[in-house]
Amino acid sequence: MEEGAGTEKEPLLPARTAGRGHPLGATFGAGPCTDSAASCTVQDAAGIDHDLYINQAVVFIEDAIQYRSINHRVDSKSLWLYRWYYSRICQWILSLTITIILALAFIEIPSSLTVTSDVRYRSKAWEPYCGLTESIELLCFLVFIADVSVKSYLIGWEEFRKTKWLLAYILTLVVSLTDWTVSLSFSCTETVRIRRILRPFFLLQNSSMMKKTLKCINSTLPEMASVVLLLAVHLCLFTMFGMLLFARTKDRQQEKEWVGYFHNLPDSLTSLLVLLTTANNPDVMMPAYSKNRAYSIFFILFTVLGNLFLMNLLTAIIYNQFRGYLLKSVQSSLLRRRLGIRAAFEVLCSRKENPVSTHGLCVNANTLVQVLQKVEMDSCCKQAILRHPPKPEYQSPFLQKVQFAFEHHFFGYLGNVVALANIISICVVLVMDADKQPSERDDYFLGAINCFFILYYLLEMLLKILAMGLKRYLSYPSNRFDGFLTVILLVLEVSTFAVYGFPHPGWRPEMTGLLSLWDMVRLVNMLIVFRFLRIIPNMKFMALVVNTLLDLVKNLRAFAGMLVVVFYAFAITGIVLFEGAVVPMGNTSVVNATSHNSTFQCGTYEQLEYWPNNFDDFAAALVTLWDVMVVNNWQVFLDAFSRYSSPWSKVYFVAWWLISSVIWVNLFVALLLENFIHKWDRHCHRQSLSEIEYQTTVELMFRDVLEEPTEEELMEKLHQHPHLKLCR
């Protein structure tokens, strides 16, 4: 595709000469380039484009920050294209395109644009005319074609052939465009659209962490399959025992168990599979237990072995195996980061302006600042690296004492105590006025309390700004929140006084419109609760739990993305299989309807009025899958769809249960355990709370067990760069 992709017009590093004052051989154990080093390109030092070095270093550092591979083109034009591709606007456009193409399922036929999904009351949904959604889809495909084209060009032909994800990307686009053409050929009347089920791939390939998660899941499947097989054996054995115990007899009382749950092999398997999730416990046991209490031993033994032992064993195996494979993936991410930093260092060392030390190469501080200023990274991190906002320097001894007092952490503790007192006082007043009529309430006390505390918050904010300076004050998120909240409360309080006057005995601000200013102040006061949450970092054990939850939310994006992928794929599959299967009772007869009246058996789909749970459109399918994932009453869906469509429909729901409730939930538990154990270990080793606070990524969760790459490994990887030729 790209002839000579490995040769750059502007090489990453020119050949170095070990001249006077530049003992490269002594420093790195390598001599200068010779004529035999054909891969090295020698340029005149005077002709070096120093801006190119800066741009290369900037890109490599950005690669390190985002854990991206550095195996891409590094000439001037390619670097411009590379930074443009990974700019916020381009990535935002790509993310928006992925969101749009996924969201098309809500408006495509069958459309979800109805008030209700209940088949009894649902009106006819709006159907887009042929070509509307297809036009939007085509625009999305054009963006994806541009995306894969730019990626392919930037990494070069050699790397492209090795990248399976890009090859799969192109194959997915080819299949999707072919299916899109077929849709237009049939005037959008075809029933099955293959490209719809392929759409989650665009989300999957755009997230490196989701790719790693998928790879880890794939590597863990053999171990999970062994436990699932053991569960299947357990289920089959107890099914045989159950069919023998509850066989049909002349005793009509004992026959209830046979009729309801063990009528045949599929029903017996389904009954015990549902019992494995405890969804039908103790219903499945009641008919036999009513006859003889000894039958309870069978069901208890099945639940203990299956639910308590085997299911928890599956959790332990997933945790152990997934953590191991995820650790390997994180180790490779760490290598990518170190490679990016090392490549940037090598580039900056090549600049002529950089001084050469007798102890090794170094980078000029001004050069480093110049690079960091151009790097796209979190503003807080960049600010912390370059220069944290300094606090004011006062000459007056009095102001110095004031600065010391109000910058001290004890002043923050005082603010927490005041916030607690504010919450308690508001609660007391609300409890006292709970049973009073609006005309009987006296809002004087609450108004005075609000005025006092708002004045304190204002004074606290001003004193902190005096002690820290405005820029330093705003550099802390907690201060920004406190200041924003204080300003809102102050504006509303002043507005209240302007409208209703100052608080006095018998003061009852009147309602004006939907919501008065006074009620707005009462509602905003609820945010004081969040202000009080500032005490959490000061309570170590509470901080440990809260930090675990916050980190989990940040680290959950890849897992949530994987769940979106499987939800989407199963929802589209469910629409293909079960669209229109569930129909209102006026249009069909139901097996569970009694012959003497029009009531239904207790616990059935019809009696519970689960009519909105169906697969007639995409939104309804998502909700139905969620209800099955929770596994409460999921046997109702197994029974209903086996009656309305086919007994084989149980395979679909069991597969969904295995993927969502068993595999994904256990992966979630594994991540939660690893996150908490990591935090607990650090807490037991008495790490500072500020250090714990920054453990906010999956990579940093494994910091204690990750191995730093050696100098030799880094240089070996750099020598293998397809567009980089080093001389040493």
Foldseek 3Di string as FASTA:
>chain_A
DDPPLLADPAFLFAWDACDPQRNPCVQPVDHTFDPVQVVHHHDDQVPDDLVLLLLLLQVLLLCLVVLHFPQWFRDDVLSVLVCVCPPPVNVVVLVVLLVLLLCVQCQAVVHVPWPFLFQVDTDRDDHDFQPPVLVSVVVSLVSLVVVLVSVDRGNDDVVCVVDVLSVVSVVLSVLQVVLSVVCVVVRNPDLDRPNLLVSLSSVQSVDPVLVLLVVLCVVLVVVLVVLVVVLVVLLVVLLVVVCVVQPDDPPVLSVVLCVQAVVDSLSVSLNLVLVLVPQCPPVSVPSVCVVPVVSVVSSVVSNCCRNVPSLVVSLVSCLVSSVVSSLVVLLSSLLSSVLSNVSSQSSQQSRPPFRADPNGTDHDPVSVLVSLVPHDDDPLVSCVVPDQDFFDDDPDPVLVVLLVVLVDCVVVVVVLVLLVVLVVQLVVLCVVCVPPDLQPDACLSVLVSLVVSLVVLVVSLVSNCSNGNDRNQVSDPLSVVSVVLSVVLVVLSVVCCVVQNGRDTRRRDDDDPPGDSVNVNVVSSVCSVVNSCVCQLVPVVSLLVVLLVQLLVLACPSLVSVVVSVLSSLLSVQLSQWAPLDHDCVVDPDPQQDPPDRAGDPLACVNVVVSSQGNNGSVSSSVNLVVVLVSNSVVNVLVVCCRSGNNCVVVSSVVSNCVRNRNSVSVSVSSSVLSSVLSVVCVVVVDRSVVSNPCRYPSSSCVVPHDDDDPVVSVVVQCVNSNHHYRD
